[in-house]
Amino acid sequence: MNTKKTINLLMILMLSVFVTSCGSDDNNTSDPVEENNPPTSFNLNEITNGATDIDVLPVFNWETANDPDGDTVVYDMYLGTEQTPTNLYVANLTTTDFNVTNQLNFSETYYWRVVAKDNQGGETSSSAYSFTTKPEENNTVSIVDDFDGTGPLIDYVTNNAEVLPNVGRVSGRYHALLDDNTNNQTLHFNQEQGRLDAKLMTFPFEVIARNIGIGITTDSQTAPSHNGTQYNFAGIQVHAEDFNSINSSHIVVGHRGTRQFTIEGKNTVDGVSTVDDAGIDTAPLGRVDIRIVGDENNELTFYWQQPNLNSNSTPDEWVLYRSTGKLPGTEPSYDNQVYVGLITYAFGNAGIPFVGTCDAIEFNNL
């Protein structure tokens, strides 16, 4: 073959290969993948690093972690006794705080950290902080009343006893017979203040009422049926030390109009009440356990659970009222001492008679 023709042919072949290769690259070019940025760094607020004498039901709080891409951020909290905690205690929190409801060990050093996660797989961890819980002897039970026997209540301060006179101990239970509600005399709402049987507590404190709620007159452990109209309740109230003040907070169990077998929360400030409830059939037995914690800032947190009739051997599983532990509206600004105790009340005459009942109530100094 002619040498010149051979060289020309080779050049044509090489040019064809180059053009084909470039065309192939152009056809397969894709847009660059946008890189995800994880949430920004953030700090832990409470509990502070190295804190001691911390309550065994602590409250944790941390800063918001922002996401540079605008992604949704949720939080995992790790809590344990190892210095770099790997025990996932609670996952996918949408808020920057968490209340522990299962009691930690006394006199134990714990470590905690929080991981902020976006919905694209990005993660940012906080530092790990340590704290030590208070010793058990600092959580002294000051009073436990199991209402043993039959007779009047013992060592309670009573406000407005005359509006609900038939209150006492019956066969080892608190028993309040509500068979007369003339002029709504038993009501706790706005300016009205029914009967309260209470003990004076100093912040910080804890009060636990066991198996508290409403029953029929012949059997306090059988809940009254719901007819769609009655407001019948029994529960626990926190009241300002001055009974002339119309400032209180309460959490009660019963029927709330069309919302049967519910748990009601109410704040009353200067005689104006704000009220909500935990939902229909939240308390299908008509009774629950109630727990109220007053902290060192004179603020209240409310918990409940289905009745734990074997609390001496079975761990409690407390639930924050409406997921926050806070009652509706503005909480009264309480002084260092408040009255905490039992109330039974009605609005109107539907569902009457009925009884308020409670197996035991525990008053703890924290």
Protein backbone atom coordinates (compact mmCIF):
# COMPACT_ATOMS: atom_id res chain seq x y z
CA MET A 1 0.00 0.00 0.00
CA ASN A 2 1.14 3.54 -0.77
CA THR A 3 2.85 4.97 2.31
CA LYS A 4 1.12 8.35 1.98
CA LYS A 5 -2.31 6.74 1.74
CA THR A 6 -1.52 4.59 4.78
CA ILE A 7 -0.64 7.64 6.89
CA ASN A 8 -3.78 9.48 5.76
CA LEU A 9 -5.95 6.48 6.62
CA LEU A 10 -4.43 6.20 10.11
CA MET A 11 -5.04 9.89 10.73
CA ILE A 12 -8.71 9.54 9.70
CA LEU A 13 -9.17 6.57 12.03
CA MET A 14 -7.59 8.38 14.97
CA LEU A 15 -9.77 11.47 14.37
CA SER A 16 -12.90 9.27 14.29
CA VAL A 17 -12.02 7.65 17.59
CA PHE A 18 -11.40 11.09 19.21
CA VAL A 19 -14.73 12.49 17.96
CA THR A 20 -16.63 9.41 19.10
CA SER A 21 -15.00 9.55 22.54
CA CYS A 22 -15.88 13.23 22.98
CA GLY A 23 -19.45 12.61 21.89
CA SER A 24 -19.76 9.76 24.37
CA ASP A 25 -18.50 11.99 27.22
CA ASP A 26 -20.97 14.74 26.29
CA ASN A 27 -23.92 12.33 26.29
CA ASN A 28 -23.13 10.90 29.77
CA THR A 29 -22.38 14.12 31.63
CA SER A 30 -24.69 14.45 34.73
CA ASP A 31 -25.33 17.34 37.10
CA PRO A 32 -23.04 17.38 40.15
CA VAL A 33 -24.58 16.00 43.37
CA GLU A 34 -25.17 18.78 45.90
CA GLU A 35 -23.28 18.06 49.12
CA ASN A 36 -25.34 17.87 52.34
CA ASN A 37 -24.19 19.96 55.27
CA PRO A 38 -24.79 18.54 58.75
CA PRO A 39 -26.44 20.59 61.55
CA THR A 40 -24.25 23.25 63.16
CA SER A 41 -22.49 22.67 66.46
CA PHE A 42 -24.41 23.37 69.66
CA ASN A 43 -23.90 23.29 73.42
CA LEU A 44 -25.60 21.53 76.31
CA ASN A 45 -27.26 23.90 78.78
CA GLU A 46 -28.72 21.89 81.63
CA ILE A 47 -27.60 19.75 83.33
CA THR A 48 -24.27 21.61 83.53
CA ASN A 49 -21.02 19.69 83.30
CA GLY A 50 -19.90 18.26 86.64
CA ALA A 51 -23.12 19.16 88.46
CA THR A 52 -23.80 17.30 91.72
CA ASP A 53 -26.81 16.57 93.92
CA ILE A 54 -29.05 16.28 90.85
CA ASP A 55 -32.59 14.94 91.19
CA VAL A 56 -33.13 11.33 90.10
CA LEU A 57 -35.83 12.58 87.70
CA PRO A 58 -33.80 15.34 86.02
CA VAL A 59 -34.69 17.73 83.21
CA PHE A 60 -32.20 18.17 80.33
CA ASN A 61 -31.90 21.15 77.98
CA TRP A 62 -29.62 22.09 75.09
CA GLU A 63 -29.17 24.73 72.39
CA THR A 64 -30.87 24.53 69.00
CA ALA A 65 -28.74 23.04 66.23
CA ASN A 66 -29.39 24.92 62.98
CA ASP A 67 -29.11 23.23 59.60
CA PRO A 68 -27.28 25.19 56.85
CA ASP A 69 -29.46 23.55 54.18
CA GLY A 70 -32.73 24.23 55.97
CA ASP A 71 -33.30 20.52 56.66
CA THR A 72 -35.47 19.35 59.54
CA VAL A 73 -33.39 18.62 62.65
CA VAL A 74 -34.23 16.08 65.36
CA TYR A 75 -32.23 15.02 68.41
CA ASP A 76 -31.08 11.73 69.96
CA MET A 77 -30.08 11.85 73.62
CA TYR A 78 -27.51 9.41 74.97
CA LEU A 79 -27.32 8.76 78.71
CA GLY A 80 -25.28 6.26 80.64
CA THR A 81 -22.52 5.66 83.16
CA GLU A 82 -19.68 5.42 80.63
CA GLN A 83 -17.66 8.58 79.93
CA THR A 84 -18.62 8.54 76.25
CA PRO A 85 -22.23 7.45 76.49
CA THR A 86 -23.38 5.06 73.75
CA ASN A 87 -26.72 4.12 75.31
CA LEU A 88 -29.46 5.74 73.20
CA TYR A 89 -31.87 6.94 75.89
CA VAL A 90 -34.43 8.69 73.68
CA ALA A 91 -34.54 9.19 69.91
CA ASN A 92 -35.90 11.70 67.40
CA LEU A 93 -36.85 14.47 69.81
CA THR A 94 -38.26 17.54 68.10
CA THR A 95 -37.68 19.85 71.08
CA THR A 96 -34.48 20.89 72.85
CA ASP A 97 -35.39 19.54 76.28
CA PHE A 98 -36.32 16.24 77.88
CA ASN A 99 -37.82 15.26 81.24
CA VAL A 100 -36.73 11.88 82.62
CA THR A 101 -39.74 9.92 83.95
CA ASN A 102 -38.03 6.66 84.93
CA GLN A 103 -36.02 7.29 88.08
CA LEU A 104 -32.21 7.21 87.82
CA ASN A 105 -30.05 5.63 90.50
CA PHE A 106 -29.16 7.58 93.62
CA SER A 107 -25.52 8.65 94.14
CA GLU A 108 -24.58 7.68 90.58
CA THR A 109 -22.37 9.56 88.12
CA TYR A 110 -23.95 9.77 84.67
CA TYR A 111 -22.74 11.10 81.33
CA TRP A 112 -24.97 12.55 78.64
CA ARG A 113 -24.69 13.96 75.16
CA VAL A 114 -27.04 14.88 72.32
CA VAL A 115 -26.74 14.16 68.60
CA ALA A 116 -28.50 16.51 66.16
CA LYS A 117 -29.59 14.80 62.92
CA ASP A 118 -30.93 16.19 59.66
CA ASN A 119 -33.16 14.22 57.30
CA GLN A 120 -30.32 13.71 54.80
CA GLY A 121 -28.13 11.64 57.11
CA GLY A 122 -26.05 14.49 58.50
CA GLU A 123 -25.18 14.34 62.22
CA THR A 124 -23.47 16.58 64.76
CA SER A 125 -22.76 15.51 68.34
CA SER A 126 -22.44 17.72 71.37
CA SER A 127 -19.74 17.24 73.97
CA ALA A 128 -20.44 14.72 76.74
CA TYR A 129 -21.28 16.21 80.15
CA SER A 130 -21.26 14.47 83.52
CA PHE A 131 -23.44 14.85 86.60
CA THR A 132 -23.99 13.01 89.87
CA THR A 133 -27.41 12.30 91.35
CA LYS A 134 -28.25 13.13 94.94
CA PRO A 135 -27.99 10.51 97.71
CA GLU A 136 -31.09 8.60 98.67
CA GLU A 137 -31.22 10.07 102.16
CA ASN A 138 -31.84 13.50 100.59
CA ASN A 139 -35.12 12.20 99.14
CA THR A 140 -36.83 11.68 102.47
CA VAL A 141 -40.45 10.61 102.47
CA SER A 142 -42.02 12.93 104.99
CA ILE A 143 -45.57 11.53 105.02
CA VAL A 144 -47.33 8.53 103.50
CA ASP A 145 -51.05 8.30 104.18
CA ASP A 146 -52.66 5.01 103.16
CA PHE A 147 -55.99 5.99 104.75
CA ASP A 148 -55.89 2.93 106.97
CA GLY A 149 -59.16 2.06 108.73
CA THR A 150 -62.40 4.03 108.76
CA GLY A 151 -62.93 7.51 110.21
CA PRO A 152 -62.03 11.15 109.55
CA LEU A 153 -58.93 12.23 107.65
CA ILE A 154 -55.92 12.69 109.93
CA ASP A 155 -53.67 15.79 110.06
CA TYR A 156 -55.00 17.64 107.02
CA VAL A 157 -55.74 21.35 106.70
CA THR A 158 -59.23 21.68 105.21
CA ASN A 159 -60.63 24.61 103.26
CA ASN A 160 -64.41 24.92 102.76
CA ALA A 161 -65.26 21.71 104.61
CA GLU A 162 -68.95 22.58 104.77
CA VAL A 163 -69.52 22.31 101.00
CA LEU A 164 -68.54 18.62 100.98
CA PRO A 165 -69.04 17.31 104.53
CA ASN A 166 -68.90 13.55 103.92
CA VAL A 167 -65.16 13.08 103.47
CA GLY A 168 -62.99 10.62 105.37
CA ARG A 169 -61.45 7.15 105.43
CA VAL A 170 -63.62 4.19 104.47
CA SER A 171 -62.10 0.69 104.59
CA GLY A 172 -58.57 1.94 103.97
CA ARG A 173 -59.34 4.45 101.20
CA TYR A 174 -59.98 8.16 100.91
CA HIS A 175 -63.73 8.45 100.38
CA ALA A 176 -65.51 11.69 99.48
CA LEU A 177 -69.26 11.34 98.92
CA LEU A 178 -70.60 14.04 96.63
CA ASP A 179 -74.39 13.87 96.79
CA ASP A 180 -75.27 17.58 96.91
CA ASN A 181 -73.96 20.26 94.58
CA THR A 182 -76.42 23.05 95.32
CA ASN A 183 -75.32 26.24 93.57
CA ASN A 184 -72.20 24.41 92.36
CA GLN A 185 -70.84 24.58 95.90
CA THR A 186 -68.20 21.90 95.29
CA LEU A 187 -66.87 23.47 92.06
CA HIS A 188 -63.23 24.49 91.56
CA PHE A 189 -63.35 26.98 88.67
CA ASN A 190 -62.67 30.72 88.34
CA GLN A 191 -63.88 32.35 91.57
CA GLU A 192 -65.31 29.09 93.00
CA GLN A 193 -63.32 27.08 95.55
CA GLY A 194 -64.74 23.76 96.72
CA ARG A 195 -63.34 21.61 99.50
CA LEU A 196 -59.59 20.98 99.72
CA ASP A 197 -57.90 18.59 102.20
CA ALA A 198 -54.22 19.44 102.07
CA LYS A 199 -50.80 19.56 103.72
CA LEU A 200 -48.40 22.50 103.57
CA MET A 201 -45.42 21.74 101.35
CA THR A 202 -42.18 23.66 100.79
CA PHE A 203 -40.53 23.73 97.35
CA PRO A 204 -38.93 21.52 96.14
CA PHE A 205 -41.35 18.67 96.77
CA GLU A 206 -43.06 15.65 95.25
CA VAL A 207 -46.59 14.39 95.85
CA ILE A 208 -47.85 11.02 94.56
CA ALA A 209 -51.48 9.90 94.74
CA ARG A 210 -52.23 6.24 94.07
CA ASN A 211 -55.36 4.93 92.36
CA ILE A 212 -57.18 8.26 92.57
CA GLY A 213 -60.41 9.04 90.74
CA ILE A 214 -64.18 8.54 90.84
CA GLY A 215 -66.43 5.61 91.73
CA ILE A 216 -70.06 4.75 92.34
CA THR A 217 -71.43 5.14 95.86
CA THR A 218 -71.60 1.40 96.55
CA ASP A 219 -68.11 0.61 95.20
CA SER A 220 -65.44 3.26 94.80
CA GLN A 221 -63.47 0.95 92.49
CA THR A 222 -66.26 0.84 89.90
CA ALA A 223 -66.32 3.97 87.76
CA PRO A 224 -69.63 5.75 87.21
CA SER A 225 -71.05 5.32 83.72
CA HIS A 226 -70.91 8.26 81.33
CA ASN A 227 -74.17 9.81 80.15
CA GLY A 228 -72.68 12.53 78.01
CA THR A 229 -73.29 15.55 80.20
CA GLN A 230 -71.71 15.22 83.64
CA TYR A 231 -68.65 16.94 85.07
CA ASN A 232 -67.50 14.68 87.93
CA PHE A 233 -63.90 14.72 89.18
CA ALA A 234 -61.46 13.76 91.92
CA GLY A 235 -57.75 14.54 92.04
CA ILE A 236 -54.96 16.70 93.46
CA GLN A 237 -54.77 20.47 93.79
CA VAL A 238 -51.86 22.80 94.51
CA HIS A 239 -53.12 25.98 96.19
CA ALA A 240 -51.43 29.20 97.24
CA GLU A 241 -50.64 29.26 100.97
CA ASP A 242 -53.24 32.00 101.48
CA PHE A 243 -56.67 30.44 101.00
CA ASN A 244 -58.06 33.91 100.31
CA SER A 245 -55.97 33.92 97.16
CA ILE A 246 -57.72 32.31 94.20
CA ASN A 247 -54.50 30.92 92.73
CA SER A 248 -54.27 27.15 92.21
CA SER A 249 -53.32 24.34 89.84
CA HIS A 250 -55.01 20.97 89.71
CA ILE A 251 -55.03 17.68 87.88
CA VAL A 252 -58.16 15.54 88.26
CA VAL A 253 -59.73 12.39 86.82
CA GLY A 254 -63.31 11.78 85.69
CA HIS A 255 -65.97 12.79 83.17
CA ARG A 256 -65.71 16.20 81.51
CA GLY A 257 -68.97 16.76 79.70
CA THR A 258 -68.78 14.84 76.42
CA ARG A 259 -65.18 13.85 77.15
CA GLN A 260 -65.52 10.76 79.29
CA PHE A 261 -62.87 9.08 81.44
CA THR A 262 -60.30 11.82 80.95
CA ILE A 263 -57.62 13.62 82.96
CA GLU A 264 -58.22 17.35 83.32
CA GLY A 265 -55.59 20.01 83.99
CA LYS A 266 -56.40 23.52 85.19
CA ASN A 267 -54.51 26.66 86.21
CA THR A 268 -56.37 29.42 88.03
CA VAL A 269 -54.66 32.81 88.28
CA ASP A 270 -56.34 35.64 90.18
CA GLY A 271 -59.66 33.86 89.88
CA VAL A 272 -59.51 33.16 86.13
CA SER A 273 -59.22 29.49 85.09
CA THR A 274 -57.68 27.92 81.98
CA VAL A 275 -58.50 24.26 81.39
CA ASP A 276 -57.81 21.37 79.02
CA ASP A 277 -57.67 17.55 79.22
CA ALA A 278 -55.61 14.56 78.13
CA GLY A 279 -58.27 13.08 75.85
CA ILE A 280 -61.31 10.82 75.84
CA ASP A 281 -60.84 7.41 77.50
CA THR A 282 -57.35 8.29 78.71
CA ALA A 283 -58.38 6.88 82.10
CA PRO A 284 -60.76 4.02 81.21
CA LEU A 285 -60.95 2.80 84.84
CA GLY A 286 -61.95 6.26 86.03
CA ARG A 287 -58.79 6.24 88.18
CA VAL A 288 -55.05 6.83 87.62
CA ASP A 289 -51.90 7.51 89.65
CA ILE A 290 -50.90 11.18 89.78
CA ARG A 291 -47.49 12.67 90.47
CA ILE A 292 -46.72 16.37 90.98
CA VAL A 293 -43.17 17.71 91.28
CA GLY A 294 -42.50 21.23 92.52
CA ASP A 295 -38.94 22.25 91.64
CA GLU A 296 -36.45 24.66 93.17
CA ASN A 297 -37.84 27.46 90.96
CA ASN A 298 -41.32 27.02 92.51
CA GLU A 299 -42.63 25.62 89.23
CA LEU A 300 -44.78 22.51 88.82
CA THR A 301 -44.59 19.45 86.56
CA PHE A 302 -47.48 16.97 86.37
CA TYR A 303 -47.37 13.25 85.59
CA TRP A 304 -49.85 10.38 85.46
CA GLN A 305 -50.00 6.67 84.76
CA GLN A 306 -52.60 3.92 84.76
CA PRO A 307 -53.01 2.65 88.36
CA ASN A 308 -49.92 0.76 89.48
CA LEU A 309 -51.48 -1.39 92.20
CA ASN A 310 -48.14 -3.10 92.93
CA SER A 311 -45.90 -0.06 93.13
CA ASN A 312 -43.76 -1.65 95.86
CA SER A 313 -42.56 -4.28 93.39
CA THR A 314 -43.43 -2.90 89.94
CA PRO A 315 -41.61 0.16 88.54
CA ASP A 316 -43.70 3.21 87.80
CA GLU A 317 -44.07 4.36 84.20
CA TRP A 318 -44.93 8.04 84.57
CA VAL A 319 -46.27 9.98 81.59
CA LEU A 320 -45.99 13.75 81.31
CA TYR A 321 -49.38 15.41 81.23
CA ARG A 322 -50.12 16.23 77.56
CA SER A 323 -46.46 15.42 76.74
CA THR A 324 -45.13 18.57 78.44
CA GLY A 325 -46.05 18.06 82.09
CA LYS A 326 -47.50 21.58 82.13
CA LEU A 327 -51.08 22.65 82.68
CA PRO A 328 -52.77 25.10 80.27
CA GLY A 329 -52.47 28.85 80.47
CA THR A 330 -50.19 30.66 82.89
CA GLU A 331 -49.15 28.91 86.09
CA PRO A 332 -49.60 30.97 89.26
CA SER A 333 -46.46 32.55 90.68
CA TYR A 334 -46.19 30.51 93.86
CA ASP A 335 -44.27 31.50 96.98
CA ASN A 336 -41.99 29.00 98.74
CA GLN A 337 -44.89 27.18 100.41
CA VAL A 338 -48.15 25.84 98.97
CA TYR A 339 -50.95 23.58 100.10
CA VAL A 340 -51.21 20.30 98.20
CA GLY A 341 -54.08 17.89 98.68
CA LEU A 342 -57.25 16.12 97.62
CA ILE A 343 -60.31 17.56 95.90
CA THR A 344 -63.59 16.05 94.71
CA TYR A 345 -66.02 18.24 92.80
CA ALA A 346 -68.77 18.55 90.20
CA PHE A 347 -70.28 21.09 87.86
CA GLY A 348 -74.06 20.91 87.76
CA ASN A 349 -76.01 17.93 89.07
CA ALA A 350 -75.52 15.35 86.30
CA GLY A 351 -73.83 12.16 87.48
CA ILE A 352 -74.49 12.85 91.17
CA PRO A 353 -74.11 11.04 93.51
CA PHE A 354 -70.60 9.68 93.11
CA VAL A 355 -67.49 9.34 95.30
CA GLY A 356 -63.93 10.52 95.06
CA THR A 357 -61.45 7.80 95.98
CA CYS A 358 -57.72 7.37 96.56
CA ASP A 359 -55.68 4.41 97.88
CA ALA A 360 -52.76 6.43 99.28
CA ILE A 361 -50.99 9.76 99.02
CA GLU A 362 -47.28 10.39 99.56
CA PHE A 363 -45.75 13.76 100.43
CA ASN A 364 -42.00 13.93 99.78
CA ASN A 365 -39.47 16.63 100.62
CA LEU A 366 -36.83 16.86 97.89
